[in-house]
């Protein structure tokens, strides 16, 4: 028996941009003669690929079509079948605006457009807001960031090395070579292809290449010149990436992950978005933070299984429910904030972010006993030797190492091997007398000296289990310059980032301090040479010293939740199939 088609596909439509460049676009139309609201995705990852356009972006096209939506997916400029040159971030605002205007003029569109998608596809949505296109009513940026320097390419001034190179290796490089075939001599094509194949075969060797920026990598990915040069970053075409908050009122459903590389930018995006509605009776923006890492939205994160409710399986329905409300001019019925708390492995609902009824509680380092306590304790110091040629290896955290589709080294990971190293300091609290909920931004303030001209300081908060397992929860880095500070201890602040964890009674808090986290971040030569052009001969060993006590109160500051936030609705819809 023949089944009636529920949609119609219009394949590879030419959509002209204001400069004449043609962007290829696939359009799915529902089985109706009426004009429909349009859901738009603009992707650099090939529009025909269901994994990128639907799974990662958590939108099921068939469900959307049955709900009466039309769907458009477009290859961004310079990618796959679209024309022009791909320069990350530069054209996305105006190309999004031109595409939205083209869609609004089509008879199948009712004039209302929403955008969806994750990672760079989320960036295309945020950049669209700068153009304030008419008809753009809502966006659903997931696992992405508000800005594209710090929080995308950099963290605390250190380069997100593994992420940027894996982005080229896994996602950008091959199609970039294809687009440049006609413009390159044969030997140039062969050279770029050989480099990409070598990097794909052994990403670890790619991370270790010195210098980071050489002619070979710049030829394969020309945009890396700007990404890895802090001076060039100051000349980005988008001078005020958050300027959309002044003019644009498109509603946002922001989805982040506690272990995602872009979490800090996701939270900044939501906080900026909700500021637009100050003093108004309604606020349509919503925030969902799950335990997920980039490319891994499952219930397994690192070495922890977080329960079935940790899965992002029902985010497609969350997206559509949000679009239903906004495009029908209704405020979303869902809680303003929903967040997953590890440790208890439960979802919670809150009226705002940061969570109300949260207090910052310091835990002071005591270098005389390598402990964390409620008071500064005695004056003392601890030291270690940092050698950039023997960096502390990345072990968990907000990374997708060893690759997007694996992510085995992201999230909560056992720290035993890290804590055995002589270049890692460890400070541990006494066992907790009661459960402790930490939800929000974690920071560490340290009083330090260093023999290096420049160096990095890293910090990681861990959950130390009664059986001795130390599990990393959240970590950060700060690139620090000693210039003008002399030899006296100086105070610095490391932003570890946001997390939500229930530290259970009997567990202990642990803080690690080191000076590298490689290859997640590039190695600081510690000689004053810029890291991206340094060779191994530029690496310098440094003595690092941390101080504690009343005069130098080094401390980690935890956002402790004092209120009880109810268990919120999960995002999991169990679908049971009987045979």
Protein backbone atom coordinates (compact mmCIF):
# COMPACT_ATOMS: atom_id res chain seq x y z
CA UNK A 1 0.00 0.00 0.00
CA UNK A 2 1.44 3.33 -1.06
CA UNK A 3 1.88 5.91 1.71
CA UNK A 4 1.09 9.56 1.15
CA UNK A 5 4.16 11.78 1.10
CA UNK A 6 4.38 14.09 4.12
CA UNK A 7 6.88 16.49 2.59
CA UNK A 8 8.46 17.73 -0.64
CA UNK A 9 12.18 18.35 -1.14
CA UNK A 10 13.43 21.16 -3.37
CA UNK A 11 17.07 20.28 -3.92
CA UNK A 12 20.03 22.65 -4.38
CA UNK A 13 18.17 25.94 -4.75
CA UNK A 14 20.32 28.93 -5.72
CA UNK A 15 20.10 31.70 -3.12
CA UNK A 16 21.98 34.84 -4.18
CA UNK A 17 23.80 36.99 -1.62
CA UNK A 18 24.13 40.76 -1.91
CA UNK A 19 27.54 40.40 -3.60
CA UNK A 20 26.25 37.86 -6.13
CA UNK A 21 27.71 34.75 -4.49
CA UNK A 22 25.35 31.75 -4.79
CA UNK A 23 24.69 29.62 -1.70
CA UNK A 24 23.14 26.23 -2.34
CA UNK A 25 20.11 25.46 -0.20
CA UNK A 26 17.88 22.42 0.28
CA UNK A 27 14.26 23.12 1.22
CA UNK A 28 11.78 20.66 2.72
CA UNK A 29 8.12 21.66 2.55
CA UNK A 30 5.30 20.11 4.59
CA UNK A 31 2.27 18.53 2.92
CA UNK A 32 0.18 21.71 2.89
CA UNK A 33 -0.68 24.46 0.44
CA UNK A 34 -0.51 27.07 3.19
CA UNK A 35 2.54 29.22 3.80
CA UNK A 36 4.57 27.83 6.70
CA UNK A 37 6.98 29.14 9.31
CA UNK A 38 10.54 28.39 8.25
CA UNK A 39 13.30 26.67 10.25
CA UNK A 40 16.74 27.58 8.86
CA UNK A 41 20.10 25.94 9.37
CA UNK A 42 23.29 27.31 7.83
CA UNK A 43 26.12 24.79 8.05
CA UNK A 44 29.74 24.45 6.91
CA UNK A 45 29.50 20.66 7.41
CA UNK A 46 27.60 19.61 4.24
CA UNK A 47 23.86 20.07 4.19
CA UNK A 48 23.08 16.54 2.96
CA UNK A 49 24.64 14.86 6.02
CA UNK A 50 21.96 13.81 8.55
CA UNK A 51 24.54 13.41 11.33
CA UNK A 52 25.48 17.08 11.19
CA UNK A 53 22.21 18.64 10.12
CA UNK A 54 19.87 16.63 12.35
CA UNK A 55 21.60 14.52 15.03
CA UNK A 56 24.16 17.05 16.28
CA UNK A 57 21.67 19.88 15.79
CA UNK A 58 18.95 17.91 17.62
CA UNK A 59 16.11 18.55 15.23
CA UNK A 60 14.17 15.74 13.56
CA UNK A 61 13.13 17.03 10.16
CA UNK A 62 10.20 14.64 9.72
CA UNK A 63 8.72 15.64 13.07
CA UNK A 64 9.09 19.32 12.20
CA UNK A 65 7.44 18.79 8.82
CA UNK A 66 4.51 16.97 10.41
CA UNK A 67 4.12 19.93 12.79
CA UNK A 68 3.71 22.25 9.80
CA UNK A 69 7.20 23.71 9.59
CA UNK A 70 9.23 24.13 6.42
CA UNK A 71 12.95 23.46 6.79
CA UNK A 72 15.87 24.99 4.89
CA UNK A 73 19.48 23.81 5.16
CA UNK A 74 22.21 25.77 3.44
CA UNK A 75 25.91 25.21 2.77
CA UNK A 76 27.63 28.33 4.08
CA UNK A 77 29.81 30.46 1.84
CA UNK A 78 32.80 28.59 0.43
CA UNK A 79 31.71 25.19 1.73
CA UNK A 80 30.76 22.16 -0.37
CA UNK A 81 28.31 23.24 -3.09
CA UNK A 82 28.12 26.95 -2.22
CA UNK A 83 30.22 29.58 -3.95
CA UNK A 84 32.64 32.10 -2.53
CA UNK A 85 35.50 31.72 -0.07
CA UNK A 86 35.09 30.32 3.43
CA UNK A 87 36.51 32.68 6.05
CA UNK A 88 35.12 31.59 9.43
CA UNK A 89 32.68 34.06 11.02
CA UNK A 90 33.34 36.92 8.59
CA UNK A 91 30.35 36.58 6.23
CA UNK A 92 27.87 34.72 8.42
CA UNK A 93 25.92 37.73 9.66
CA UNK A 94 25.11 39.27 6.33
CA UNK A 95 24.72 35.92 4.54
CA UNK A 96 22.20 34.87 7.18
CA UNK A 97 20.30 38.11 6.75
CA UNK A 98 20.25 37.77 2.95
CA UNK A 99 19.05 34.16 3.19
CA UNK A 100 16.27 35.07 5.64
CA UNK A 101 15.11 37.89 3.38
CA UNK A 102 15.07 35.51 0.38
CA UNK A 103 13.03 32.95 2.32
CA UNK A 104 10.49 35.55 3.47
CA UNK A 105 9.82 36.45 -0.16
CA UNK A 106 8.97 32.86 -1.15
CA UNK A 107 5.31 31.78 -1.37
CA UNK A 108 5.89 28.77 0.91
CA UNK A 109 7.09 30.98 3.81
CA UNK A 110 4.68 32.88 6.07
CA UNK A 111 7.32 35.49 6.91
CA UNK A 112 8.42 33.96 10.22
CA UNK A 113 11.86 32.37 10.46
CA UNK A 114 13.68 30.55 13.26
CA UNK A 115 17.26 29.26 13.17
CA UNK A 116 18.67 26.13 14.81
CA UNK A 117 21.86 24.13 15.15
CA UNK A 118 24.96 23.49 17.23
CA UNK A 119 28.61 24.57 17.35
CA UNK A 120 29.56 26.68 14.29
CA UNK A 121 25.96 26.36 13.13
CA UNK A 122 25.05 28.10 16.38
CA UNK A 123 27.60 30.81 15.61
CA UNK A 124 25.82 31.57 12.33
CA UNK A 125 22.67 32.26 14.37
CA UNK A 126 24.36 34.59 16.85
CA UNK A 127 26.10 36.52 14.06
CA UNK A 128 22.77 36.86 12.22
CA UNK A 129 21.48 38.91 15.14
CA UNK A 130 23.99 41.66 14.36
CA UNK A 131 22.12 42.30 11.09
CA UNK A 132 18.75 42.37 12.88
CA UNK A 133 16.99 40.73 9.90
CA UNK A 134 13.26 41.25 9.64
CA UNK A 135 11.31 38.06 10.23
CA UNK A 136 13.89 36.31 12.43
CA UNK A 137 11.75 35.49 15.47
CA UNK A 138 13.79 32.88 17.34
CA UNK A 139 17.11 31.08 17.45
CA UNK A 140 18.18 27.89 19.24
CA UNK A 141 21.99 28.02 19.47
CA UNK A 142 23.40 24.88 21.07
CA UNK A 143 26.90 24.09 22.31
CA UNK A 144 28.21 27.36 20.92
CA UNK A 145 29.49 30.70 22.13
CA UNK A 146 28.65 34.38 22.00
CA UNK A 147 32.11 35.52 20.95
CA UNK A 148 34.69 33.99 18.66
CA UNK A 149 38.01 35.04 20.16
CA UNK A 150 38.06 34.31 23.88
CA UNK A 151 35.68 31.38 24.60
CA UNK A 152 36.23 29.96 21.07
CA UNK A 153 39.89 30.23 20.08
CA UNK A 154 41.32 31.22 23.44
CA UNK A 155 40.73 30.46 27.10
CA UNK A 156 42.35 32.72 29.68
CA UNK A 157 44.70 33.91 26.94
CA UNK A 158 45.91 30.38 26.07
CA UNK A 159 45.22 28.92 22.64
CA UNK A 160 42.63 26.11 22.40
CA UNK A 161 45.18 24.16 20.39
CA UNK A 162 43.65 20.68 20.19
CA UNK A 163 40.20 21.98 19.33
CA UNK A 164 41.38 24.33 16.59
CA UNK A 165 43.61 21.75 14.93
CA UNK A 166 40.99 19.01 15.21
CA UNK A 167 38.47 21.38 13.65
CA UNK A 168 40.76 21.66 10.63
CA UNK A 169 41.70 17.96 10.63
CA UNK A 170 38.18 16.56 11.00
CA UNK A 171 35.83 19.15 9.55
CA UNK A 172 37.35 21.96 7.49
CA UNK A 173 40.52 20.81 5.76
CA UNK A 174 39.31 18.36 3.13
CA UNK A 175 36.63 20.59 1.61
CA UNK A 176 38.95 23.59 1.76
CA UNK A 177 41.41 21.69 -0.43
CA UNK A 178 38.62 20.84 -2.88
CA UNK A 179 37.56 24.46 -3.16
CA UNK A 180 41.13 25.56 -3.86
CA UNK A 181 41.99 22.87 -6.44
CA UNK A 182 41.60 25.14 -9.44
CA UNK A 183 43.70 27.90 -7.93
CA UNK A 184 46.64 25.75 -6.81
CA UNK A 185 49.47 24.20 -8.79
CA UNK A 186 49.71 20.42 -8.65
CA UNK A 187 52.57 20.40 -6.13
CA UNK A 188 50.61 22.74 -3.84
CA UNK A 189 47.58 20.45 -3.89
CA UNK A 190 49.74 17.41 -3.20
CA UNK A 191 51.53 19.17 -0.34
CA UNK A 192 48.29 20.23 1.37
CA UNK A 193 46.73 16.81 0.88
CA UNK A 194 49.79 15.04 2.30
CA UNK A 195 49.81 17.29 5.36
CA UNK A 196 46.11 16.71 6.02
CA UNK A 197 46.47 12.93 5.66
CA UNK A 198 49.42 12.93 8.05
CA UNK A 199 47.50 14.97 10.62
CA UNK A 200 44.48 12.72 10.33
CA UNK A 201 46.65 9.62 10.75
CA UNK A 202 48.35 10.96 13.88
CA UNK A 203 46.61 13.94 15.52
CA UNK A 204 48.97 13.75 18.52
CA UNK A 205 51.92 14.46 16.24
CA UNK A 206 49.97 17.35 14.74
CA UNK A 207 49.47 18.88 18.18
CA UNK A 208 53.21 18.54 18.91
CA UNK A 209 54.37 20.26 15.68
CA UNK A 210 56.63 23.26 16.23
CA UNK A 211 56.22 25.99 15.48
CA UNK A 212 52.44 25.86 15.68
CA UNK A 213 52.09 28.39 12.87
CA UNK A 214 54.29 27.53 9.91
CA UNK A 215 53.83 27.94 6.17
CA UNK A 216 52.43 24.42 5.73
CA UNK A 217 49.58 24.80 8.21
CA UNK A 218 48.90 28.36 7.04
CA UNK A 219 48.54 27.07 3.47
CA UNK A 220 46.13 24.31 4.54
CA UNK A 221 44.06 26.66 6.71
CA UNK A 222 44.83 30.32 5.91
CA UNK A 223 42.42 31.58 8.59
CA UNK A 224 44.72 30.08 11.25
CA UNK A 225 46.97 33.11 10.82
CA UNK A 226 44.35 35.24 12.51
CA UNK A 227 43.25 32.59 14.98
CA UNK A 228 46.67 31.98 16.48
CA UNK A 229 47.96 35.55 16.42
CA UNK A 230 46.65 37.56 19.41
CA UNK A 231 47.54 40.83 17.65
CA UNK A 232 45.57 39.88 14.54
CA UNK A 233 42.60 38.90 16.71
CA UNK A 234 42.19 42.54 17.73
CA UNK A 235 41.32 43.34 14.12
CA UNK A 236 38.39 40.97 13.73
CA UNK A 237 35.68 42.24 11.35
CA UNK A 238 33.05 41.95 14.10
CA UNK A 239 34.08 44.73 16.48
CA UNK A 240 31.20 44.25 18.92
CA UNK A 241 30.04 40.64 18.76
CA UNK A 242 27.50 41.26 21.53
CA UNK A 243 26.12 44.45 19.99
CA UNK A 244 22.95 42.64 18.86
CA UNK A 245 21.58 42.99 22.39
CA UNK A 246 20.93 46.67 21.68
CA UNK A 247 18.60 46.11 18.75
CA UNK A 248 17.52 42.49 18.30
CA UNK A 249 14.63 40.81 20.13
CA UNK A 250 14.69 37.32 18.63
CA UNK A 251 13.92 34.86 21.42
CA UNK A 252 16.65 32.36 22.34
CA UNK A 253 16.75 28.80 23.55
CA UNK A 254 20.39 28.45 24.62
CA UNK A 255 21.62 24.90 25.21
CA UNK A 256 24.99 24.27 26.85
CA UNK A 257 26.93 21.38 28.32
CA UNK A 258 28.94 21.38 31.55
CA UNK A 259 31.76 19.57 29.73
CA UNK A 260 31.47 21.46 26.45
CA UNK A 261 34.36 23.52 25.09
CA UNK A 262 31.96 26.46 24.56
CA UNK A 263 30.11 26.42 27.89
CA UNK A 264 31.44 29.76 29.08
CA UNK A 265 30.30 31.41 25.86
CA UNK A 266 26.90 29.72 26.04
CA UNK A 267 26.27 31.09 29.52
CA UNK A 268 27.49 34.54 28.49
CA UNK A 269 25.12 34.37 25.52
CA UNK A 270 22.11 33.63 27.73
CA UNK A 271 23.02 36.29 30.28
CA UNK A 272 23.36 38.89 27.52
CA UNK A 273 20.11 37.76 25.90
CA UNK A 274 17.99 37.96 29.06
CA UNK A 275 19.35 41.44 29.82
CA UNK A 276 17.28 42.71 26.86
CA UNK A 277 14.06 42.14 28.79
CA UNK A 278 14.96 44.03 31.99
CA UNK A 279 11.85 45.68 33.44
CA UNK A 280 9.41 43.81 31.20
CA UNK A 281 6.74 41.41 32.38
CA UNK A 282 7.78 38.61 30.02
CA UNK A 283 11.15 37.05 29.22
CA UNK A 284 11.04 34.45 26.41
CA UNK A 285 14.68 33.32 26.55
CA UNK A 286 15.44 29.92 28.05
CA UNK A 287 18.60 28.13 29.20
CA UNK A 288 19.23 24.38 29.35
CA UNK A 289 22.56 23.03 30.61
CA UNK A 290 23.11 19.30 30.47
CA UNK A 291 26.20 17.29 31.39
CA UNK A 292 27.26 17.00 27.75
CA UNK A 293 30.59 17.48 26.03
CA UNK A 294 31.08 18.60 22.44
CA UNK A 295 29.91 15.90 20.07
CA UNK A 296 28.89 13.67 22.98
CA UNK A 297 25.36 14.43 24.23
CA UNK A 298 25.00 11.01 25.86
CA UNK A 299 24.57 9.74 29.41
CA UNK A 300 28.24 8.66 29.56
CA UNK A 301 30.62 11.53 30.28
CA UNK A 302 34.26 10.71 30.91
CA UNK A 303 34.40 7.76 33.29
CA UNK A 304 31.00 8.46 34.85
CA UNK A 305 27.63 7.08 33.83
CA UNK A 306 25.14 9.75 34.78
CA UNK A 307 21.91 7.79 34.30
CA UNK A 308 19.43 7.64 31.45
CA UNK A 309 18.06 11.10 32.26
CA UNK A 310 21.42 12.64 31.32
CA UNK A 311 20.84 11.95 27.61
CA UNK A 312 19.88 14.75 25.26
CA UNK A 313 17.44 12.42 23.48
CA UNK A 314 14.48 14.76 23.73
CA UNK A 315 16.15 18.03 22.76
CA UNK A 316 14.47 17.84 19.32
CA UNK A 317 11.10 18.15 21.06
CA UNK A 318 12.43 20.94 23.29
CA UNK A 319 13.45 22.86 20.17
CA UNK A 320 10.08 22.45 18.48
CA UNK A 321 8.09 23.27 21.62
CA UNK A 322 10.11 26.47 21.99
CA UNK A 323 9.55 27.43 18.35
CA UNK A 324 5.82 26.63 18.66
CA UNK A 325 5.44 29.14 21.48
CA UNK A 326 7.60 31.93 20.10
CA UNK A 327 6.25 31.82 16.55
CA UNK A 328 2.71 31.86 17.95
CA UNK A 329 3.61 34.87 20.15
CA UNK A 330 3.32 32.91 23.40
CA UNK A 331 5.84 32.90 26.20
CA UNK A 332 7.44 29.45 26.53
CA UNK A 333 5.82 27.37 29.28
CA UNK A 334 9.10 25.73 30.29
CA UNK A 335 11.18 26.92 33.29
CA UNK A 336 13.56 29.76 32.55
CA UNK A 337 16.54 27.60 33.57
CA UNK A 338 16.98 23.85 33.67
CA UNK A 339 20.28 22.34 34.66
CA UNK A 340 21.66 18.86 35.27
CA UNK A 341 23.56 18.34 38.51
CA UNK A 342 26.15 15.58 38.52
CA UNK A 343 26.80 13.75 41.76
CA UNK A 344 23.05 13.44 42.33
CA UNK A 345 22.52 12.96 38.55
CA UNK A 346 19.28 14.94 38.57
CA UNK A 347 17.64 17.76 36.62
CA UNK A 348 16.63 20.96 38.42
CA UNK A 349 14.58 24.03 37.50
CA UNK A 350 15.37 27.61 38.50
CA UNK A 351 13.84 31.04 37.83
CA UNK A 352 17.07 32.78 36.79
CA UNK A 353 20.77 32.51 36.11
CA UNK A 354 23.07 32.83 38.00
CA UNK A 355 21.01 30.85 40.48
CA UNK A 356 19.45 33.00 43.19
CA UNK A 357 20.43 32.09 46.76
CA UNK A 358 23.99 31.20 45.82
CA UNK A 359 26.90 32.39 47.95
CA UNK A 360 30.62 32.40 47.15
CA UNK A 361 32.46 30.31 49.73
CA UNK A 362 36.29 30.45 49.85
CA UNK A 363 38.41 27.42 50.68
CA UNK A 364 41.94 28.51 51.54
CA UNK A 365 45.13 26.74 50.54
CA UNK A 366 47.56 25.79 53.28
CA UNK A 367 50.94 25.05 51.71
CA UNK A 368 52.32 23.74 55.00
CA UNK A 369 50.05 20.69 54.82
CA UNK A 370 48.71 20.73 51.24
CA UNK A 371 45.19 21.21 52.59
CA UNK A 372 42.06 23.26 51.89
CA UNK A 373 40.34 24.88 54.85
CA UNK A 374 37.91 27.60 55.90
CA UNK A 375 40.65 30.00 57.11
CA UNK A 376 43.91 31.21 55.52
CA UNK A 377 46.06 29.28 57.98
CA UNK A 378 49.81 29.75 58.43
CA UNK A 379 52.17 31.54 56.09
CA UNK A 380 53.92 29.00 53.87
CA UNK A 381 54.78 28.26 50.24
CA UNK A 382 54.96 25.33 47.82
CA UNK A 383 56.94 25.12 44.61
CA UNK A 384 57.43 23.00 41.53
CA UNK A 385 59.39 23.09 38.29
CA UNK A 386 57.52 23.67 35.04
CA UNK A 387 59.13 22.37 31.86
CA UNK A 388 57.26 23.10 28.58
CA UNK A 389 59.02 20.18 26.91
CA UNK A 390 57.35 17.86 29.44
CA UNK A 391 53.88 19.38 29.81
CA UNK A 392 51.11 18.08 32.05
CA UNK A 393 48.87 16.02 29.73
CA UNK A 394 45.21 16.83 29.26
CA UNK A 395 43.02 14.56 31.38
CA UNK A 396 39.33 15.23 30.93
CA UNK A 397 37.53 18.54 31.17
CA UNK A 398 35.88 20.64 28.48
CA UNK A 399 37.55 19.04 25.47
CA UNK A 400 36.59 16.54 22.78
CA UNK A 401 39.97 14.86 22.64
CA UNK A 402 40.91 12.62 20.92
CA UNK A 403 38.25 13.71 18.43
CA UNK A 404 34.71 14.96 18.01
CA UNK A 405 33.15 11.54 17.42
CA UNK A 406 34.99 9.92 20.33
CA UNK A 407 35.35 12.38 23.21
CA UNK A 408 36.81 9.65 25.44
CA UNK A 409 39.04 12.18 27.19
CA UNK A 410 36.33 14.75 27.94
CA UNK A 411 34.35 15.30 31.11
CA UNK A 412 35.01 13.73 34.52
CA UNK A 413 38.16 11.61 34.30
CA UNK A 414 40.28 9.91 36.97
CA UNK A 415 43.24 12.09 37.96
CA UNK A 416 45.56 9.50 39.54
CA UNK A 417 48.29 9.79 36.91
CA UNK A 418 48.16 13.59 36.93
CA UNK A 419 48.37 13.88 40.70
CA UNK A 420 51.47 11.65 40.83
CA UNK A 421 53.50 14.20 38.86
CA UNK A 422 56.06 16.40 40.60
CA UNK A 423 54.92 19.46 38.61
CA UNK A 424 51.35 19.29 39.94
CA UNK A 425 50.45 20.58 43.41
CA UNK A 426 47.47 19.01 45.17
CA UNK A 427 45.45 20.50 48.04
CA UNK A 428 42.74 18.46 49.77
CA UNK A 429 39.96 19.27 52.24
CA UNK A 430 38.76 17.21 55.17
CA UNK A 431 35.75 14.94 54.50
CA UNK A 432 32.52 16.87 54.00
CA UNK A 433 30.10 16.70 56.93
CA UNK A 434 27.09 17.30 54.68
CA UNK A 435 26.22 17.24 50.99
CA UNK A 436 27.49 20.36 49.21
CA UNK A 437 25.93 21.67 45.99
CA UNK A 438 28.29 23.74 43.85
CA UNK A 439 26.49 25.34 40.89
CA UNK A 440 27.90 28.35 39.09
CA UNK A 441 31.26 29.94 38.34
CA UNK A 442 34.32 28.50 40.11
CA UNK A 443 37.41 30.68 40.44
CA UNK A 444 40.82 30.32 42.08
CA UNK A 445 42.81 33.25 43.46
CA UNK A 446 46.52 32.51 43.90
CA UNK A 447 49.48 34.45 45.26
CA UNK A 448 52.44 33.42 43.11
CA UNK A 449 55.95 34.08 41.93
CA UNK A 450 57.68 32.65 38.88
CA UNK A 451 61.17 32.71 37.44
CA UNK A 452 59.60 32.78 33.96
CA UNK A 453 59.03 35.88 31.87
CA UNK A 454 55.62 34.52 30.94
CA UNK A 455 53.93 31.33 32.08
CA UNK A 456 50.58 29.61 32.46
CA UNK A 457 48.76 28.75 35.67
CA UNK A 458 46.16 26.00 35.62
CA UNK A 459 43.69 24.92 38.28
CA UNK A 460 41.30 21.97 38.50
CA UNK A 461 38.57 21.22 41.06
CA UNK A 462 38.22 17.50 41.78
CA UNK A 463 35.80 15.29 43.68
CA UNK A 464 37.83 12.95 45.91
CA UNK A 465 35.79 9.83 46.65
CA UNK A 466 36.09 7.88 49.91
CA UNK A 467 37.78 5.04 48.00
CA UNK A 468 40.58 7.39 46.91
CA UNK A 469 39.43 8.11 43.36
CA UNK A 470 40.01 11.72 42.35
CA UNK A 471 37.68 12.80 39.53
CA UNK A 472 38.19 16.08 37.70
CA UNK A 473 35.10 18.31 37.61
CA UNK A 474 36.07 21.70 36.14
CA UNK A 475 39.36 23.35 35.20
CA UNK A 476 40.79 26.54 33.76
CA UNK A 477 43.96 28.31 32.68
CA UNK A 478 45.50 31.79 32.79
CA UNK A 479 48.37 33.03 30.60
CA UNK A 480 50.36 35.33 32.86
CA UNK A 481 53.07 37.92 32.25
CA UNK A 482 55.46 38.74 35.11
CA UNK A 483 56.59 41.98 33.48
CA UNK A 484 56.62 44.90 35.93
CA UNK A 485 55.67 42.76 38.92
CA UNK A 486 59.14 42.30 40.41
CA UNK A 487 59.97 39.35 42.64
CA UNK A 488 57.27 39.91 45.27
CA UNK A 489 54.24 37.57 45.28
CA UNK A 490 51.46 38.78 42.98
CA UNK A 491 47.79 37.82 43.07
CA UNK A 492 46.12 36.34 40.01
CA UNK A 493 42.69 34.87 39.35
CA UNK A 494 42.08 31.74 37.31
CA UNK A 495 38.58 31.29 35.99
CA UNK A 496 37.95 27.55 36.13
CA UNK A 497 34.50 27.94 34.61
CA UNK A 498 30.94 26.92 35.44
CA UNK A 499 29.82 23.59 36.78
CA UNK A 500 27.07 21.89 38.77
CA UNK A 501 28.09 19.12 41.16
CA UNK A 502 26.72 17.63 44.35
CA UNK A 503 29.77 16.79 46.45
CA UNK A 504 28.42 14.11 48.75
CA UNK A 505 28.89 13.76 52.47
CA UNK A 506 32.17 11.96 53.20
CA UNK A 507 33.75 13.09 49.91
CA UNK A 508 36.55 15.65 49.88
CA UNK A 509 37.31 18.68 47.72
CA UNK A 510 40.61 18.66 45.89
CA UNK A 511 42.41 21.42 43.98
CA UNK A 512 45.22 20.83 41.49
CA UNK A 513 47.64 23.60 40.51
CA UNK A 514 50.04 23.26 37.55
CA UNK A 515 51.39 25.27 34.61
CA UNK A 516 50.29 23.31 31.53
CA UNK A 517 47.41 21.30 30.11
CA UNK A 518 48.56 19.96 26.76
CA UNK A 519 47.38 19.44 24.06
CA UNK A 520 44.10 21.05 25.02
CA UNK A 521 46.07 24.28 25.35
CA UNK A 522 49.29 25.25 23.60
CA UNK A 523 52.54 25.13 25.53
CA UNK A 524 53.83 28.40 26.98
CA UNK A 525 57.57 28.62 26.14
CA UNK A 526 58.14 30.54 29.42
CA UNK A 527 60.89 32.53 27.67
CA UNK A 528 58.86 35.45 26.38
CA UNK A 529 58.70 34.07 22.83
CA UNK A 530 55.17 34.04 21.41
CA UNK A 531 53.88 30.49 21.76
CA UNK A 532 52.63 30.10 18.20
CA UNK A 533 56.01 30.84 16.59
CA UNK A 534 58.20 29.16 19.24
CA UNK A 535 60.50 26.24 18.55
CA UNK A 536 61.70 23.71 21.10
CA UNK A 537 64.88 25.76 21.53
CA UNK A 538 62.75 28.61 22.87
CA UNK A 539 61.39 26.54 25.75
CA UNK A 540 62.64 27.54 29.21
CA UNK A 541 62.30 25.74 32.53
CA UNK A 542 60.74 27.81 35.33
CA UNK A 543 60.38 27.59 39.08
CA UNK A 544 56.78 28.22 40.14
CA UNK A 545 55.88 29.13 43.72
CA UNK A 546 52.51 29.45 45.45
CA UNK A 547 51.98 31.17 48.79
CA UNK A 548 49.36 30.76 51.51
CA UNK A 549 48.47 32.34 54.84
CA UNK A 550 46.99 35.60 56.09
CA UNK A 551 49.39 37.75 54.03
CA UNK A 552 48.85 35.72 50.85
CA UNK A 553 45.40 34.10 51.09
CA UNK A 554 45.40 31.79 48.07
CA UNK A 555 41.96 30.22 47.74
CA UNK A 556 39.41 28.50 45.57
CA UNK A 557 35.97 30.13 45.56
CA UNK A 558 32.95 27.87 45.17
CA UNK A 559 29.39 29.01 44.32
CA UNK A 560 27.44 27.15 47.00
CA UNK A 561 23.68 26.82 46.55
CA UNK A 562 21.81 27.55 49.78
CA UNK A 563 18.27 27.11 48.42
CA UNK A 564 16.59 23.90 47.34
CA UNK A 565 15.77 23.92 43.66
CA UNK A 566 13.11 21.36 42.79
CA UNK A 567 13.80 18.44 40.56
CA UNK A 568 12.83 19.71 37.15
CA UNK A 569 11.43 17.89 34.12
CA UNK A 570 13.99 15.69 32.43
CA UNK A 571 14.78 15.99 28.77
CA UNK A 572 14.48 12.28 28.23
CA UNK A 573 11.51 10.71 26.50
CA UNK A 574 11.79 6.93 26.66
CA UNK A 575 10.45 5.45 23.47
CA UNK A 576 9.60 1.81 23.97
CA UNK A 577 9.12 -0.27 20.85
CA UNK A 578 7.32 -3.58 21.02
CA UNK A 579 7.76 -6.26 18.41
